Amino acid sequence: MVMPESGISREYILQQGALKKQEINAALESLRGGKPAKPLQGRNVVLVDDGLATGLTAIAAIRYLRRKGVATLTLAVPVASPDTAKMLESFVDRLVCPFTPGSFAAVAQWYTRFDQVDDGEVRDILALFP
């Protein structure tokens, strides 16, 4: 089967999806330092992002957390496009977003510095929470 809009076969998409899943699992294991994932079932979770443009990454994280059985889910972001913020309200129990500017083009436009956080820094931060 070929996806008519793109010309990409279903097999290719499934293969690439499996590869990405392996990459994600390896990255998670590395970031956790070999420790098992903490159980999330029944917990109240706050999901934090640096901002929301399309919200697609947040939706993926929200779906993951819902599958893990969290009790409540709050999404906290400093800035989001108004349409994305409105759309994401239906995916979470609570959305905290103090700034939804009408002239939203990208998350980075609302930061003085918008440096990427490398994996080493993430591991250092996670190590603070045994």
N, C-alpha and C. Protein backbone atom coordinates (compact mmCIF):
# COMPACT_ATOMS: atom_id res chain seq x y z
N MET A 1 0.85 -1.18 0.00
CA MET A 1 0.00 0.00 0.00
C MET A 1 0.89 1.24 0.00
N VAL A 2 0.48 2.25 -0.73
CA VAL A 2 1.20 3.52 -0.80
C VAL A 2 0.28 4.61 -0.27
N MET A 3 0.84 5.50 0.57
CA MET A 3 0.06 6.62 1.05
C MET A 3 -0.11 7.59 -0.12
N PRO A 4 -1.33 7.81 -0.61
CA PRO A 4 -1.54 8.57 -1.84
C PRO A 4 -0.97 9.99 -1.80
N GLU A 5 -1.05 10.63 -0.66
CA GLU A 5 -0.61 12.02 -0.58
C GLU A 5 0.90 12.16 -0.69
N SER A 6 1.64 11.16 -0.26
CA SER A 6 3.09 11.30 -0.16
C SER A 6 3.87 10.36 -1.06
N GLY A 7 3.26 9.29 -1.51
CA GLY A 7 3.98 8.29 -2.28
C GLY A 7 4.83 7.38 -1.41
N ILE A 8 4.66 7.43 -0.10
CA ILE A 8 5.43 6.62 0.83
C ILE A 8 4.63 5.36 1.17
N SER A 9 5.28 4.21 1.11
CA SER A 9 4.57 2.96 1.36
C SER A 9 4.29 2.77 2.84
N ARG A 10 3.28 2.01 3.11
CA ARG A 10 2.90 1.66 4.50
C ARG A 10 4.05 0.91 5.17
N GLU A 11 4.68 0.02 4.43
CA GLU A 11 5.79 -0.76 4.98
C GLU A 11 6.93 0.15 5.44
N TYR A 12 7.23 1.15 4.62
CA TYR A 12 8.30 2.09 4.99
C TYR A 12 7.95 2.85 6.26
N ILE A 13 6.71 3.28 6.35
CA ILE A 13 6.27 4.02 7.54
C ILE A 13 6.36 3.13 8.78
N LEU A 14 5.92 1.89 8.67
CA LEU A 14 5.99 0.97 9.81
C LEU A 14 7.44 0.69 10.20
N GLN A 15 8.31 0.51 9.20
CA GLN A 15 9.73 0.26 9.47
C GLN A 15 10.36 1.46 10.17
N GLN A 16 10.09 2.66 9.67
CA GLN A 16 10.65 3.86 10.28
C GLN A 16 10.09 4.08 11.69
N GLY A 17 8.82 3.76 11.88
CA GLY A 17 8.21 3.87 13.21
C GLY A 17 8.89 2.94 14.20
N ALA A 18 9.18 1.71 13.78
CA ALA A 18 9.86 0.75 14.66
C ALA A 18 11.27 1.23 14.99
N LEU A 19 11.97 1.77 14.00
CA LEU A 19 13.32 2.30 14.25
C LEU A 19 13.29 3.47 15.23
N LYS A 20 12.35 4.36 15.05
CA LYS A 20 12.23 5.52 15.96
C LYS A 20 11.88 5.06 17.36
N LYS A 21 11.04 4.07 17.48
CA LYS A 21 10.69 3.55 18.80
C LYS A 21 11.92 2.99 19.49
N GLN A 22 12.77 2.28 18.75
CA GLN A 22 14.02 1.76 19.33
C GLN A 22 14.92 2.91 19.78
N GLU A 23 15.02 3.95 18.95
CA GLU A 23 15.84 5.11 19.30
C GLU A 23 15.33 5.79 20.56
N ILE A 24 14.03 5.94 20.66
CA ILE A 24 13.42 6.59 21.83
C ILE A 24 13.68 5.76 23.08
N ASN A 25 13.49 4.44 22.98
CA ASN A 25 13.72 3.58 24.15
C ASN A 25 15.17 3.62 24.59
N ALA A 26 16.10 3.65 23.64
CA ALA A 26 17.53 3.73 23.98
C ALA A 26 17.83 5.07 24.64
N ALA A 27 17.24 6.15 24.13
CA ALA A 27 17.46 7.47 24.73
C ALA A 27 16.90 7.53 26.14
N LEU A 28 15.72 6.97 26.35
CA LEU A 28 15.13 6.95 27.68
C LEU A 28 15.99 6.17 28.66
N GLU A 29 16.47 5.03 28.23
CA GLU A 29 17.33 4.23 29.10
C GLU A 29 18.60 4.99 29.46
N SER A 30 19.18 5.67 28.49
CA SER A 30 20.39 6.45 28.72
C SER A 30 20.11 7.61 29.69
N LEU A 31 19.00 8.31 29.49
CA LEU A 31 18.68 9.45 30.34
C LEU A 31 18.37 9.01 31.77
N ARG A 32 17.80 7.83 31.92
CA ARG A 32 17.50 7.32 33.26
C ARG A 32 18.72 6.71 33.93
N GLY A 33 19.83 6.61 33.21
CA GLY A 33 21.03 6.02 33.79
C GLY A 33 20.85 4.55 34.12
N GLY A 34 20.03 3.86 33.33
CA GLY A 34 19.80 2.44 33.57
C GLY A 34 18.75 2.13 34.61
N LYS A 35 18.25 3.15 35.29
CA LYS A 35 17.21 2.94 36.31
C LYS A 35 15.87 2.68 35.62
N PRO A 36 15.01 1.89 36.24
CA PRO A 36 13.69 1.65 35.63
C PRO A 36 12.82 2.91 35.72
N ALA A 37 11.85 2.98 34.85
CA ALA A 37 10.90 4.09 34.88
C ALA A 37 10.11 4.06 36.18
N LYS A 38 9.83 5.23 36.71
CA LYS A 38 8.99 5.30 37.92
C LYS A 38 7.54 5.05 37.53
N PRO A 39 6.81 4.33 38.38
CA PRO A 39 5.41 4.08 38.05
C PRO A 39 4.61 5.38 38.07
N LEU A 40 3.74 5.53 37.10
CA LEU A 40 2.94 6.75 37.00
C LEU A 40 1.46 6.53 37.30
N GLN A 41 1.05 5.28 37.33
CA GLN A 41 -0.35 4.98 37.56
C GLN A 41 -0.84 5.59 38.87
N GLY A 42 -1.95 6.32 38.77
CA GLY A 42 -2.56 6.91 39.95
C GLY A 42 -1.89 8.19 40.45
N ARG A 43 -0.85 8.64 39.79
CA ARG A 43 -0.15 9.85 40.23
C ARG A 43 -0.72 11.10 39.57
N ASN A 44 -0.55 12.22 40.27
CA ASN A 44 -0.88 13.51 39.69
C ASN A 44 0.39 14.04 39.02
N VAL A 45 0.32 14.27 37.73
CA VAL A 45 1.50 14.60 36.94
C VAL A 45 1.40 16.00 36.37
N VAL A 46 2.53 16.72 36.42
CA VAL A 46 2.64 18.02 35.76
C VAL A 46 3.63 17.84 34.61
N LEU A 47 3.15 18.02 33.40
CA LEU A 47 3.97 17.94 32.20
C LEU A 47 4.37 19.36 31.84
N VAL A 48 5.68 19.60 31.70
CA VAL A 48 6.20 20.94 31.46
C VAL A 48 6.88 20.98 30.10
N ASP A 49 6.61 22.04 29.35
CA ASP A 49 7.26 22.25 28.06
C ASP A 49 7.68 23.71 27.99
N ASP A 50 8.64 24.02 27.11
CA ASP A 50 9.11 25.40 27.00
C ASP A 50 8.15 26.29 26.21
N GLY A 51 7.17 25.70 25.58
CA GLY A 51 6.18 26.44 24.83
C GLY A 51 5.54 25.55 23.78
N LEU A 52 4.42 26.00 23.25
CA LEU A 52 3.67 25.18 22.30
C LEU A 52 3.41 25.95 21.02
N ALA A 53 3.89 25.40 19.92
CA ALA A 53 3.55 25.95 18.62
C ALA A 53 2.39 25.14 18.05
N THR A 54 2.69 23.95 17.54
CA THR A 54 1.62 23.08 17.02
C THR A 54 1.00 22.22 18.11
N GLY A 55 1.77 21.90 19.15
CA GLY A 55 1.27 21.06 20.23
C GLY A 55 1.40 19.57 19.96
N LEU A 56 1.97 19.18 18.82
CA LEU A 56 2.04 17.76 18.47
C LEU A 56 2.91 16.96 19.43
N THR A 57 4.04 17.53 19.85
CA THR A 57 4.90 16.83 20.81
C THR A 57 4.19 16.68 22.15
N ALA A 58 3.49 17.72 22.55
CA ALA A 58 2.75 17.66 23.82
C ALA A 58 1.65 16.60 23.75
N ILE A 59 0.97 16.50 22.62
CA ILE A 59 -0.08 15.49 22.48
C ILE A 59 0.50 14.10 22.60
N ALA A 60 1.66 13.87 21.99
CA ALA A 60 2.31 12.56 22.10
C ALA A 60 2.64 12.25 23.55
N ALA A 61 3.18 13.22 24.28
CA ALA A 61 3.51 13.02 25.69
C ALA A 61 2.25 12.80 26.53
N ILE A 62 1.21 13.55 26.24
CA ILE A 62 -0.06 13.41 26.96
C ILE A 62 -0.64 12.02 26.75
N ARG A 63 -0.63 11.54 25.52
CA ARG A 63 -1.16 10.21 25.23
C ARG A 63 -0.36 9.13 25.96
N TYR A 64 0.96 9.29 25.97
CA TYR A 64 1.82 8.35 26.69
C TYR A 64 1.45 8.32 28.17
N LEU A 65 1.31 9.50 28.78
CA LEU A 65 0.99 9.58 30.20
C LEU A 65 -0.40 9.03 30.50
N ARG A 66 -1.35 9.28 29.63
CA ARG A 66 -2.70 8.73 29.82
C ARG A 66 -2.67 7.20 29.77
N ARG A 67 -1.88 6.64 28.83
CA ARG A 67 -1.76 5.18 28.76
C ARG A 67 -1.13 4.61 30.03
N LYS A 68 -0.30 5.41 30.69
CA LYS A 68 0.34 4.97 31.93
C LYS A 68 -0.60 5.08 33.13
N GLY A 69 -1.79 5.64 32.93
CA GLY A 69 -2.81 5.66 33.97
C GLY A 69 -2.66 6.75 35.01
N VAL A 70 -2.15 7.92 34.62
CA VAL A 70 -2.03 9.00 35.60
C VAL A 70 -3.41 9.40 36.11
N ALA A 71 -3.46 9.84 37.36
CA ALA A 71 -4.73 10.25 37.96
C ALA A 71 -5.19 11.59 37.39
N THR A 72 -4.30 12.58 37.42
CA THR A 72 -4.60 13.88 36.83
C THR A 72 -3.37 14.34 36.05
N LEU A 73 -3.63 15.16 35.05
CA LEU A 73 -2.55 15.64 34.20
C LEU A 73 -2.70 17.14 33.98
N THR A 74 -1.68 17.88 34.44
CA THR A 74 -1.61 19.32 34.23
C THR A 74 -0.50 19.58 33.22
N LEU A 75 -0.79 20.38 32.22
CA LEU A 75 0.21 20.81 31.25
C LEU A 75 0.57 22.25 31.56
N ALA A 76 1.86 22.50 31.81
CA ALA A 76 2.33 23.84 32.17
C ALA A 76 3.34 24.33 31.14
N VAL A 77 3.03 25.44 30.51
CA VAL A 77 3.91 26.06 29.52
C VAL A 77 3.86 27.57 29.70
N PRO A 78 4.98 28.25 29.43
CA PRO A 78 4.96 29.71 29.59
C PRO A 78 4.28 30.44 28.44
N VAL A 79 4.29 29.83 27.25
CA VAL A 79 3.76 30.51 26.07
C VAL A 79 3.22 29.49 25.08
N ALA A 80 2.16 29.85 24.39
CA ALA A 80 1.58 28.97 23.37
C ALA A 80 0.80 29.82 22.38
N SER A 81 0.66 29.28 21.19
CA SER A 81 -0.23 29.95 20.24
C SER A 81 -1.65 29.81 20.79
N PRO A 82 -2.47 30.81 20.60
CA PRO A 82 -3.84 30.75 21.15
C PRO A 82 -4.63 29.53 20.69
N ASP A 83 -4.53 29.19 19.40
CA ASP A 83 -5.27 28.05 18.88
C ASP A 83 -4.80 26.74 19.49
N THR A 84 -3.49 26.60 19.65
CA THR A 84 -2.93 25.38 20.24
C THR A 84 -3.34 25.25 21.70
N ALA A 85 -3.27 26.34 22.44
CA ALA A 85 -3.66 26.31 23.85
C ALA A 85 -5.12 25.88 23.98
N LYS A 86 -5.98 26.46 23.15
CA LYS A 86 -7.40 26.11 23.20
C LYS A 86 -7.62 24.64 22.87
N MET A 87 -6.93 24.15 21.85
CA MET A 87 -7.08 22.77 21.45
C MET A 87 -6.60 21.81 22.54
N LEU A 88 -5.48 22.14 23.19
CA LEU A 88 -4.89 21.23 24.18
C LEU A 88 -5.67 21.18 25.50
N GLU A 89 -6.50 22.17 25.76
CA GLU A 89 -7.31 22.17 26.98
C GLU A 89 -8.14 20.90 27.10
N SER A 90 -8.59 20.37 25.98
CA SER A 90 -9.44 19.17 26.02
C SER A 90 -8.64 17.89 26.27
N PHE A 91 -7.31 17.95 26.18
CA PHE A 91 -6.46 16.77 26.36
C PHE A 91 -5.98 16.59 27.80
N VAL A 92 -6.06 17.66 28.60
CA VAL A 92 -5.51 17.62 29.96
C VAL A 92 -6.57 18.03 30.98
N ASP A 93 -6.28 17.73 32.23
CA ASP A 93 -7.20 18.15 33.29
C ASP A 93 -7.07 19.65 33.57
N ARG A 94 -5.86 20.15 33.37
CA ARG A 94 -5.63 21.58 33.61
C ARG A 94 -4.49 22.04 32.71
N LEU A 95 -4.67 23.20 32.08
CA LEU A 95 -3.62 23.83 31.29
C LEU A 95 -3.23 25.13 31.98
N VAL A 96 -1.93 25.28 32.25
CA VAL A 96 -1.41 26.51 32.82
C VAL A 96 -0.53 27.14 31.75
N CYS A 97 -0.99 28.26 31.21
CA CYS A 97 -0.27 28.96 30.15
C CYS A 97 -0.57 30.44 30.29
N PRO A 98 0.33 31.19 30.92
CA PRO A 98 0.05 32.60 31.18
C PRO A 98 0.11 33.52 29.97
N PHE A 99 0.68 33.06 28.85
CA PHE A 99 0.88 33.97 27.73
C PHE A 99 0.50 33.29 26.42
N THR A 100 -0.55 33.79 25.77
CA THR A 100 -0.98 33.30 24.46
C THR A 100 -1.08 34.48 23.50
N PRO A 101 0.07 34.95 23.00
CA PRO A 101 0.09 36.13 22.15
C PRO A 101 -0.57 35.89 20.80
N GLY A 102 -1.27 36.88 20.32
CA GLY A 102 -1.96 36.76 19.03
C GLY A 102 -1.00 36.65 17.86
N SER A 103 0.17 37.23 17.99
CA SER A 103 1.14 37.22 16.88
C SER A 103 2.18 36.13 17.10
N PHE A 104 1.75 34.92 17.29
CA PHE A 104 2.63 33.80 17.59
C PHE A 104 3.15 33.18 16.29
N ALA A 105 4.49 33.14 16.15
CA ALA A 105 5.10 32.48 14.99
C ALA A 105 5.89 31.26 15.41
N ALA A 106 6.61 31.36 16.55
CA ALA A 106 7.44 30.25 17.03
C ALA A 106 7.70 30.45 18.51
N VAL A 107 7.94 29.36 19.22
CA VAL A 107 8.24 29.44 20.66
C VAL A 107 9.47 30.30 20.91
N ALA A 108 10.50 30.11 20.11
CA ALA A 108 11.78 30.80 20.32
C ALA A 108 11.66 32.32 20.27
N GLN A 109 10.68 32.85 19.58
CA GLN A 109 10.56 34.31 19.49
C GLN A 109 10.24 34.96 20.83
N TRP A 110 9.81 34.16 21.82
CA TRP A 110 9.42 34.69 23.12
C TRP A 110 10.50 34.52 24.17
N TYR A 111 11.69 34.09 23.75
CA TYR A 111 12.82 33.90 24.64
C TYR A 111 13.98 34.81 24.22
N THR A 112 14.71 35.32 25.21
CA THR A 112 15.94 36.06 24.92
C THR A 112 17.01 35.08 24.46
N ARG A 113 17.10 33.94 25.15
CA ARG A 113 17.98 32.84 24.76
C ARG A 113 17.14 31.57 24.69
N PHE A 114 17.37 30.81 23.64
CA PHE A 114 16.59 29.59 23.45
C PHE A 114 17.55 28.45 23.09
N ASP A 115 18.50 28.20 24.00
CA ASP A 115 19.50 27.17 23.78
C ASP A 115 18.88 25.79 23.94
N GLN A 116 19.42 24.83 23.20
CA GLN A 116 19.01 23.44 23.35
C GLN A 116 19.63 22.87 24.63
N VAL A 117 18.92 21.98 25.27
CA VAL A 117 19.43 21.30 26.46
C VAL A 117 19.99 19.96 26.01
N ASP A 118 21.28 19.73 26.27
CA ASP A 118 21.87 18.46 25.82
C ASP A 118 21.57 17.34 26.81
N ASP A 119 21.79 16.11 26.35
CA ASP A 119 21.46 14.93 27.16
C ASP A 119 22.21 14.90 28.48
N GLY A 120 23.46 15.37 28.49
CA GLY A 120 24.24 15.39 29.73
C GLY A 120 23.60 16.28 30.77
N GLU A 121 23.11 17.43 30.36
CA GLU A 121 22.43 18.33 31.29
C GLU A 121 21.13 17.71 31.81
N VAL A 122 20.41 17.03 30.94
CA VAL A 122 19.18 16.35 31.36
C VAL A 122 19.50 15.28 32.40
N ARG A 123 20.56 14.48 32.15
CA ARG A 123 20.96 13.44 33.11
C ARG A 123 21.33 14.06 34.46
N ASP A 124 22.04 15.19 34.42
CA ASP A 124 22.41 15.88 35.67
C ASP A 124 21.19 16.33 36.45
N ILE A 125 20.20 16.85 35.75
CA ILE A 125 18.98 17.31 36.40
C ILE A 125 18.20 16.12 36.97
N LEU A 126 18.07 15.06 36.19
CA LEU A 126 17.34 13.88 36.66
C LEU A 126 18.02 13.23 37.87
N ALA A 127 19.33 13.34 37.94
CA ALA A 127 20.06 12.76 39.07
C ALA A 127 19.71 13.45 40.38
N LEU A 128 19.15 14.65 40.31
CA LEU A 128 18.73 15.37 41.52
C LEU A 128 17.48 14.77 42.14
N PHE A 129 16.80 13.91 41.39
CA PHE A 129 15.53 13.33 41.85
C PHE A 129 15.67 11.81 41.90
N PRO A 130 16.21 11.29 43.01
CA PRO A 130 16.44 9.84 43.08
C PRO A 130 15.17 9.02 43.05
